[in-house]
């Protein structure tokens, strides 16, 4: 116990600390992969059925409504029936 502050001092195991850092980096990497590459805010929840690239529904709908009807990844043309919501659990 730290006599000056009246608190217990923590003994941090360097191996567990390193494991925590590695796991945290992996979590961040996976979270980035789930974000829409157009806005980088929303999670991916819609698919273009012509090329199977995945974005957020909001971005695809906006692109369709503003007549930017090409996939941002591969430039494949798409129409109103070519993007659909998906549910990732």
Foldseek 3Di string as FASTA:
>chain_A
DPPVVPDDDDDDDPVVVVVVVVVVVVVVVVVQVQAFPVPSPDGWFKAFQVVGDTGNPVVCVVCQVVVVQADPVPGHGGHPVRMDTHDDD
